[in-house]
N, C-alpha and C. Protein backbone atom coordinates (compact mmCIF):
# COMPACT_ATOMS: atom_id res chain seq x y z
N UNK A 1 -58.54 141.30 -47.09
CA UNK A 1 -57.25 141.70 -46.96
C UNK A 1 -56.30 140.92 -48.16
N UNK A 2 -55.50 141.65 -48.99
CA UNK A 2 -54.78 141.31 -50.11
C UNK A 2 -53.70 140.48 -49.54
N UNK A 3 -53.27 139.46 -50.26
CA UNK A 3 -51.88 138.65 -50.02
C UNK A 3 -50.70 139.38 -50.39
N UNK A 4 -49.51 139.03 -50.10
CA UNK A 4 -48.49 139.80 -50.48
C UNK A 4 -48.29 139.70 -51.97
N UNK A 5 -48.66 138.47 -52.66
CA UNK A 5 -48.55 138.33 -53.96
C UNK A 5 -49.47 139.26 -54.78
N UNK A 6 -50.65 139.57 -54.18
CA UNK A 6 -51.66 140.51 -54.87
C UNK A 6 -50.93 141.88 -54.71
N UNK A 7 -50.30 142.17 -53.74
CA UNK A 7 -49.94 143.52 -53.45
C UNK A 7 -48.85 143.72 -54.58
N UNK A 8 -47.90 142.87 -54.63
CA UNK A 8 -46.86 142.82 -55.28
C UNK A 8 -47.23 143.08 -56.83
N UNK A 9 -48.33 142.28 -57.12
CA UNK A 9 -48.97 142.38 -58.57
C UNK A 9 -49.37 143.85 -58.80
N UNK A 10 -50.01 144.25 -57.68
CA UNK A 10 -50.75 145.71 -57.93
C UNK A 10 -49.48 146.78 -58.21
N UNK A 11 -48.45 146.69 -57.21
CA UNK A 11 -47.26 147.48 -57.25
C UNK A 11 -46.60 147.41 -58.78
N UNK A 12 -46.71 146.31 -59.40
CA UNK A 12 -45.94 146.11 -60.60
C UNK A 12 -46.81 146.78 -61.69
N UNK A 13 -48.22 146.58 -61.77
CA UNK A 13 -49.21 147.37 -62.58
C UNK A 13 -49.06 148.73 -62.52
N UNK A 14 -48.70 149.34 -61.21
CA UNK A 14 -48.54 150.85 -61.08
C UNK A 14 -47.39 151.28 -61.63
N UNK A 15 -46.50 150.42 -61.58
CA UNK A 15 -45.19 151.01 -62.23
C UNK A 15 -44.90 150.75 -63.69
N UNK A 16 -45.87 149.99 -64.27
CA UNK A 16 -45.84 149.94 -65.88
C UNK A 16 -46.41 151.05 -66.63
N UNK A 17 -45.93 151.20 -67.68
CA UNK A 17 -46.66 152.28 -68.41
C UNK A 17 -47.72 151.91 -68.84
N UNK A 18 -48.84 152.83 -69.32
CA UNK A 18 -50.05 152.51 -69.60
C UNK A 18 -50.13 151.61 -70.94
N UNK A 19 -49.06 151.78 -71.79
CA UNK A 19 -49.09 150.96 -72.90
C UNK A 19 -49.00 149.38 -72.71
N UNK A 20 -48.24 149.18 -71.45
CA UNK A 20 -48.00 147.68 -71.25
C UNK A 20 -49.06 147.13 -70.24
N UNK A 21 -50.01 147.91 -69.72
CA UNK A 21 -50.89 147.30 -68.96
C UNK A 21 -52.14 146.77 -69.74
N UNK A 22 -52.59 145.72 -69.27
CA UNK A 22 -53.73 145.02 -69.89
C UNK A 22 -55.06 145.64 -69.72
N UNK A 23 -55.69 145.83 -70.87
CA UNK A 23 -56.86 146.26 -70.76
C UNK A 23 -57.11 148.00 -70.95
N UNK A 24 -55.83 148.62 -71.18
CA UNK A 24 -55.81 150.04 -71.42
C UNK A 24 -56.14 150.47 -72.60
N UNK A 25 -56.62 151.69 -72.83
CA UNK A 25 -56.95 152.32 -74.23
C UNK A 25 -55.80 152.60 -74.95
N UNK A 26 -55.58 152.29 -76.38
CA UNK A 26 -54.43 152.70 -77.11
C UNK A 26 -54.90 153.51 -78.20
N UNK A 27 -54.89 154.58 -78.46
CA UNK A 27 -55.22 155.49 -79.40
C UNK A 27 -54.84 155.05 -80.75
N UNK A 28 -53.58 154.98 -80.96
CA UNK A 28 -53.04 154.60 -82.21
C UNK A 28 -53.49 153.38 -82.71
N UNK A 29 -53.70 152.36 -81.95
CA UNK A 29 -54.26 150.98 -82.38
C UNK A 29 -55.86 151.06 -82.58
N UNK A 30 -56.56 151.78 -81.98
CA UNK A 30 -57.89 152.14 -82.30
C UNK A 30 -58.09 152.79 -83.71
N UNK A 31 -57.14 153.72 -83.76
CA UNK A 31 -57.30 154.47 -85.16
C UNK A 31 -56.88 153.56 -86.10
N UNK A 32 -56.00 152.91 -85.93
CA UNK A 32 -55.47 151.91 -87.17
C UNK A 32 -56.46 151.02 -87.51
N UNK A 33 -57.03 150.33 -86.53
CA UNK A 33 -58.18 149.26 -86.54
C UNK A 33 -59.37 149.98 -87.31
N UNK A 34 -59.84 151.10 -86.96
CA UNK A 34 -60.71 151.75 -87.57
C UNK A 34 -60.67 152.23 -89.07
N UNK A 35 -59.61 152.50 -89.44
CA UNK A 35 -59.03 152.98 -90.95
C UNK A 35 -59.11 151.58 -91.74
N UNK A 36 -58.49 150.45 -91.20
CA UNK A 36 -58.45 149.35 -91.88
C UNK A 36 -59.72 148.64 -92.04
N UNK A 37 -60.65 148.68 -90.91
CA UNK A 37 -62.00 148.26 -90.86
C UNK A 37 -62.86 148.93 -91.85
N UNK A 38 -62.93 150.23 -92.00
CA UNK A 38 -63.59 150.90 -92.83
C UNK A 38 -63.21 150.51 -94.19
N UNK A 39 -62.01 150.58 -94.63
CA UNK A 39 -61.39 150.29 -95.87
C UNK A 39 -61.90 148.89 -96.32
N UNK A 40 -61.74 147.90 -95.37
CA UNK A 40 -62.24 146.51 -95.68
C UNK A 40 -63.68 146.51 -96.02
N UNK A 41 -64.48 147.26 -95.22
CA UNK A 41 -65.81 147.17 -95.44
C UNK A 41 -66.22 147.74 -96.88
N UNK A 42 -65.67 148.68 -97.07
CA UNK A 42 -65.80 149.62 -98.29
C UNK A 42 -65.64 148.70 -99.38
N UNK A 43 -64.40 147.97 -99.47
CA UNK A 43 -64.12 146.98 -100.53
C UNK A 43 -65.06 146.11 -100.78
N UNK A 44 -65.72 145.49 -99.72
CA UNK A 44 -66.66 144.29 -99.89
C UNK A 44 -68.07 144.86 -100.35
N UNK A 45 -68.39 146.34 -100.22
CA UNK A 45 -69.64 146.76 -100.53
C UNK A 45 -69.86 147.14 -102.02
N UNK A 46 -71.02 147.49 -102.34
CA UNK A 46 -71.34 147.88 -103.66
C UNK A 46 -70.96 149.20 -104.17
N UNK A 47 -70.34 149.92 -103.19
CA UNK A 47 -70.32 151.43 -103.41
C UNK A 47 -69.22 151.84 -104.45
N UNK A 48 -68.29 151.14 -104.88
CA UNK A 48 -67.32 150.97 -105.69
C UNK A 48 -66.84 152.63 -105.60
N UNK A 49 -66.00 152.86 -104.47
CA UNK A 49 -65.31 154.03 -104.58
C UNK A 49 -64.44 154.40 -105.62
N UNK A 50 -64.12 155.70 -105.93
CA UNK A 50 -63.21 156.19 -106.94
C UNK A 50 -61.86 155.93 -106.74
N UNK A 51 -60.98 155.93 -107.61
CA UNK A 51 -59.54 155.71 -107.31
C UNK A 51 -58.90 156.66 -106.28
N UNK A 52 -59.42 157.90 -106.40
CA UNK A 52 -59.04 158.94 -105.28
C UNK A 52 -59.33 158.59 -103.96
N UNK A 53 -60.45 158.03 -103.71
CA UNK A 53 -60.79 157.45 -102.39
C UNK A 53 -59.51 156.36 -101.91
N UNK A 54 -59.43 155.45 -102.71
CA UNK A 54 -58.42 154.34 -102.42
C UNK A 54 -56.94 154.90 -102.26
N UNK A 55 -56.63 156.13 -102.77
CA UNK A 55 -55.52 156.71 -102.64
C UNK A 55 -55.37 157.23 -101.56
N UNK A 56 -56.46 157.98 -100.85
CA UNK A 56 -56.45 158.57 -99.68
C UNK A 56 -56.76 157.49 -98.55
N UNK A 57 -57.34 156.41 -98.78
CA UNK A 57 -57.33 155.24 -97.83
C UNK A 57 -55.94 154.72 -97.59
N UNK A 58 -55.23 154.50 -98.73
CA UNK A 58 -53.80 153.91 -98.40
C UNK A 58 -52.83 154.99 -97.64
N UNK A 59 -53.20 156.32 -98.02
CA UNK A 59 -52.25 157.16 -97.19
C UNK A 59 -52.78 157.17 -95.70
N UNK A 60 -53.95 157.13 -95.65
CA UNK A 60 -54.54 156.98 -94.23
C UNK A 60 -53.86 155.76 -93.57
N UNK A 61 -53.77 154.70 -94.05
CA UNK A 61 -53.41 153.37 -93.47
C UNK A 61 -51.91 153.78 -93.27
N UNK A 62 -51.08 154.24 -94.03
CA UNK A 62 -49.61 154.70 -93.82
C UNK A 62 -49.53 155.63 -92.92
N UNK A 63 -50.23 156.71 -92.67
CA UNK A 63 -50.18 157.55 -91.42
C UNK A 63 -50.54 156.98 -90.24
N UNK A 64 -51.50 155.88 -90.23
CA UNK A 64 -51.73 155.11 -88.97
C UNK A 64 -50.38 154.37 -88.41
N UNK A 65 -49.85 153.77 -89.42
CA UNK A 65 -48.63 153.00 -89.14
C UNK A 65 -47.48 153.86 -88.71
N UNK A 66 -47.22 155.09 -89.33
CA UNK A 66 -46.31 156.14 -89.00
C UNK A 66 -46.42 156.32 -87.54
N UNK A 67 -47.85 156.70 -87.22
CA UNK A 67 -48.07 157.03 -85.81
C UNK A 67 -47.73 156.04 -84.77
N UNK A 68 -48.01 154.86 -85.06
CA UNK A 68 -47.74 153.42 -84.37
C UNK A 68 -46.10 153.70 -84.10
N UNK A 69 -45.23 153.84 -85.30
CA UNK A 69 -43.96 153.80 -85.25
C UNK A 69 -43.26 154.89 -84.32
N UNK A 70 -43.88 156.05 -84.55
CA UNK A 70 -43.58 157.03 -83.46
C UNK A 70 -43.75 156.65 -82.06
N UNK A 71 -44.72 155.83 -81.85
CA UNK A 71 -44.86 155.68 -80.25
C UNK A 71 -44.05 154.75 -80.11
N UNK A 72 -43.58 153.78 -80.87
CA UNK A 72 -42.72 152.47 -80.57
C UNK A 72 -41.38 153.35 -80.40
N UNK A 73 -40.86 154.26 -81.26
CA UNK A 73 -39.71 154.80 -81.18
C UNK A 73 -39.52 155.69 -79.79
N UNK A 74 -40.66 156.14 -79.40
CA UNK A 74 -40.79 156.94 -78.12
C UNK A 74 -40.59 155.98 -77.06
N UNK A 75 -40.96 154.85 -77.06
CA UNK A 75 -40.97 153.78 -75.93
C UNK A 75 -39.52 153.21 -75.81
N UNK A 76 -38.95 153.10 -77.13
CA UNK A 76 -37.56 152.39 -77.11
C UNK A 76 -36.50 153.45 -76.32
N UNK A 77 -36.87 154.90 -76.68
CA UNK A 77 -35.76 155.88 -76.35
C UNK A 77 -35.92 155.97 -74.89
N UNK A 78 -37.28 155.90 -74.28
CA UNK A 78 -37.39 155.73 -73.13
C UNK A 78 -36.76 154.73 -72.16
N UNK A 79 -36.97 153.51 -72.91
CA UNK A 79 -36.13 152.23 -72.40
C UNK A 79 -34.79 152.50 -72.32
N UNK A 80 -34.08 153.04 -73.58
CA UNK A 80 -32.65 153.12 -73.61
C UNK A 80 -32.19 153.98 -72.66
N UNK A 81 -32.97 155.24 -72.30
CA UNK A 81 -32.47 156.49 -71.64
C UNK A 81 -32.46 155.59 -69.98
N UNK A 82 -33.71 154.82 -69.56
CA UNK A 82 -33.56 154.32 -68.29
C UNK A 82 -32.38 153.32 -68.17
N UNK A 83 -32.08 152.55 -68.98
CA UNK A 83 -31.01 151.63 -69.14
C UNK A 83 -29.69 152.32 -68.74
N UNK A 84 -29.47 153.49 -69.65
CA UNK A 84 -28.25 153.99 -69.68
C UNK A 84 -27.97 154.87 -68.33
N UNK A 85 -29.27 155.25 -67.67
CA UNK A 85 -29.17 155.87 -66.33
C UNK A 85 -28.86 154.96 -65.19
N UNK A 86 -29.35 153.92 -65.24
CA UNK A 86 -28.94 152.79 -64.20
C UNK A 86 -27.72 152.40 -64.39
N UNK A 87 -27.10 152.28 -65.69
CA UNK A 87 -25.72 151.91 -65.90
C UNK A 87 -24.80 152.89 -65.29
N UNK A 88 -25.21 154.23 -65.36
CA UNK A 88 -24.23 155.35 -65.07
C UNK A 88 -24.36 155.50 -63.50
N UNK A 89 -25.68 155.22 -62.78
CA UNK A 89 -25.58 155.14 -61.40
C UNK A 89 -24.69 154.00 -60.92
N UNK A 90 -24.75 152.72 -61.45
CA UNK A 90 -23.91 151.71 -61.16
C UNK A 90 -22.31 152.05 -61.24
N UNK A 91 -22.15 152.88 -62.06
CA UNK A 91 -20.71 153.17 -62.28
C UNK A 91 -20.22 154.10 -61.25
N UNK A 92 -21.15 155.18 -60.98
CA UNK A 92 -20.83 156.23 -60.01
C UNK A 92 -20.81 155.21 -58.53
N UNK A 93 -21.78 154.33 -58.32
CA UNK A 93 -21.76 153.82 -57.19
C UNK A 93 -20.30 153.08 -56.74
N UNK A 94 -19.90 152.19 -57.89
CA UNK A 94 -18.72 151.55 -57.90
C UNK A 94 -17.35 152.28 -57.40
N UNK A 95 -17.31 153.64 -58.04
CA UNK A 95 -16.45 154.44 -57.99
C UNK A 95 -16.43 155.04 -56.31
N UNK A 96 -17.54 155.23 -55.85
CA UNK A 96 -17.59 155.60 -54.51
C UNK A 96 -17.26 154.57 -53.41
N UNK A 97 -17.08 153.34 -54.02
CA UNK A 97 -16.82 152.14 -53.07
C UNK A 97 -18.07 151.69 -52.42
N UNK A 98 -19.21 151.64 -53.03
CA UNK A 98 -20.39 151.11 -52.71
C UNK A 98 -20.79 151.69 -51.42
N UNK A 99 -20.40 153.06 -51.20
CA UNK A 99 -21.12 153.97 -50.16
C UNK A 99 -22.38 154.37 -50.56
N UNK A 100 -23.46 154.25 -49.91
CA UNK A 100 -24.84 154.73 -50.50
C UNK A 100 -25.00 156.10 -49.71
N UNK A 101 -25.28 157.00 -50.57
CA UNK A 101 -25.58 158.28 -50.19
C UNK A 101 -26.99 158.62 -50.54
N UNK A 102 -27.83 158.78 -49.49
CA UNK A 102 -29.18 159.05 -49.73
C UNK A 102 -29.91 158.05 -50.28
């Protein structure tokens, strides 16, 4: 049987987005790590890729960063929206005189 502390921890983990739960898979991070790892490996090898390769590699790294930025922007918007909704609920509650409806 789980203790109340374990149950609270489980409930908190369920309420968190997958991005903030430990051990979850993050596609953007995985892609970025792959691109940077491949670039570093090739730079250290004897393949000596062309300038065109390096231009595409730099563009791929930039795209990975832009993808991560888009994810962060989405999380920030979601947080702002949630905060604004809670503030609006509090405002309505105070106008009702703290009468709970539903």
